[in-house]
Amino acid sequence: MKQVVSTNVEIAVNIIVVDNTEWEYCKKEFPDAVYDEERKKYLYLGEDFFDMSDLGELVDDISNGKVFHLENVHLAHDYDLYFNKNTGKYIGVNIPKKDEL
């Protein structure tokens, strides 16, 4: 887990969290979920995108040292996984791929 310092966030989405004990019942509903070994949770990129107000709160939490990048868990579709200790929620942040030269 690495503390996030850059407040340059344009697209963020809430993450659906499925407890390890509930996975058997939910795996068909979330086929692209990834497993966070450390926290024993399945994580799925939700469809609840942050609005401007949510992004503003996220920037404040980043500025106050409350948001961490979970580097060992990789989501699909160019999203990185973050955890906000202030809210206790997982966040998917879109990281656009750099154009190759």
Protein backbone atom coordinates (compact mmCIF):
# COMPACT_ATOMS: atom_id res chain seq x y z
CA MET A 1 0.00 0.00 0.00
CA LYS A 2 1.46 3.30 -1.10
CA GLN A 3 0.14 6.71 -0.07
CA VAL A 4 -1.26 8.71 -2.99
CA VAL A 5 0.10 12.23 -3.40
CA SER A 6 -1.16 13.26 -6.85
CA THR A 7 -4.57 14.93 -6.78
CA ASN A 8 -4.95 14.75 -10.57
CA VAL A 9 -8.04 12.51 -10.72
CA GLU A 10 -10.58 12.85 -13.52
CA ILE A 11 -12.47 9.53 -13.50
CA ALA A 12 -13.18 7.45 -10.41
CA VAL A 13 -15.73 4.75 -9.64
CA ASN A 14 -16.85 2.96 -6.50
CA ILE A 15 -15.81 -0.67 -6.13
CA ILE A 16 -18.23 -3.46 -5.29
CA VAL A 17 -16.80 -5.56 -2.45
CA VAL A 18 -17.80 -9.20 -1.97
CA ASP A 19 -16.66 -11.00 1.16
CA ASN A 20 -14.76 -14.23 0.66
CA THR A 21 -17.52 -16.21 2.40
CA GLU A 22 -20.18 -14.87 -0.01
CA TRP A 23 -18.23 -15.49 -3.21
CA GLU A 24 -19.90 -18.81 -4.11
CA TYR A 25 -23.25 -17.00 -4.31
CA CYS A 26 -21.98 -13.97 -6.25
CA LYS A 27 -19.36 -15.22 -8.70
CA LYS A 28 -21.76 -15.43 -11.66
CA GLU A 29 -22.87 -11.85 -11.07
CA PHE A 30 -19.28 -10.49 -10.96
CA PRO A 31 -17.24 -12.59 -13.42
CA ASP A 32 -14.44 -10.02 -13.74
CA ALA A 33 -13.90 -9.60 -10.00
CA VAL A 34 -10.35 -9.75 -8.70
CA TYR A 35 -9.27 -11.18 -5.38
CA ASP A 36 -7.43 -9.11 -2.80
CA GLU A 37 -5.41 -11.74 -0.96
CA GLU A 38 -4.41 -9.41 1.87
CA ARG A 39 -7.96 -8.38 2.77
CA LYS A 40 -9.69 -11.63 1.69
CA LYS A 41 -12.22 -9.76 -0.48
CA TYR A 42 -13.35 -9.98 -4.08
CA LEU A 43 -13.42 -6.58 -5.78
CA TYR A 44 -15.39 -5.58 -8.84
CA LEU A 45 -15.41 -2.36 -10.83
CA GLY A 46 -18.86 -0.88 -10.20
CA GLU A 47 -20.95 1.47 -12.30
CA ASP A 48 -21.32 4.21 -9.69
CA PHE A 49 -18.99 6.91 -11.04
CA PHE A 50 -17.90 9.86 -8.93
CA ASP A 51 -19.55 13.19 -9.68
CA MET A 52 -17.71 16.50 -9.29
CA SER A 53 -18.60 16.71 -5.59
CA ASP A 54 -17.28 13.19 -4.96
CA LEU A 55 -14.08 13.99 -6.86
CA GLY A 56 -13.63 17.12 -4.73
CA GLU A 57 -13.94 15.06 -1.54
CA LEU A 58 -11.48 12.51 -2.93
CA VAL A 59 -8.95 15.26 -3.69
CA ASP A 60 -9.35 16.54 -0.11
CA ASP A 61 -8.76 13.04 1.28
CA ILE A 62 -5.68 12.61 -0.94
CA SER A 63 -4.35 15.97 0.25
CA ASN A 64 -4.87 14.86 3.85
CA GLY A 65 -2.95 11.58 3.33
CA LYS A 66 -5.99 9.30 3.60
CA VAL A 67 -5.87 7.57 0.17
CA PHE A 68 -3.61 4.63 -0.63
CA HIS A 69 -2.80 2.81 -3.87
CA LEU A 70 -3.13 -0.97 -3.58
CA GLU A 71 -0.42 -1.92 -6.03
CA ASN A 72 -0.81 -5.69 -5.71
CA VAL A 73 -4.42 -5.78 -7.01
CA HIS A 74 -5.10 -5.01 -10.68
CA LEU A 75 -8.53 -4.14 -12.02
CA ALA A 76 -9.61 -4.39 -15.65
CA HIS A 77 -10.09 -1.54 -18.11
CA ASP A 78 -7.13 0.66 -17.14
CA TYR A 79 -8.32 1.20 -13.57
CA ASP A 80 -6.02 1.12 -10.56
CA LEU A 81 -7.29 0.22 -7.12
CA TYR A 82 -7.19 2.71 -4.26
CA PHE A 83 -8.39 2.56 -0.67
CA ASN A 84 -9.71 5.63 1.16
CA LYS A 85 -9.01 5.22 4.88
CA ASN A 86 -11.25 8.20 5.63
CA THR A 87 -14.36 6.53 4.14
CA GLY A 88 -13.27 2.88 4.39
CA LYS A 89 -14.13 2.38 0.70
CA TYR A 90 -12.30 0.98 -2.30
CA ILE A 91 -12.07 3.22 -5.36
CA GLY A 92 -11.22 2.47 -8.98
CA VAL A 93 -9.31 5.31 -10.62
CA ASN A 94 -8.93 5.42 -14.39
CA ILE A 95 -5.30 5.68 -15.41
CA PRO A 96 -5.12 6.43 -19.15
CA LYS A 97 -2.35 4.61 -20.96
CA LYS A 98 0.38 6.84 -22.32
CA ASP A 99 0.65 7.05 -26.10
CA GLU A 100 3.64 5.09 -27.27
CA LEU A 101 6.20 6.87 -29.44
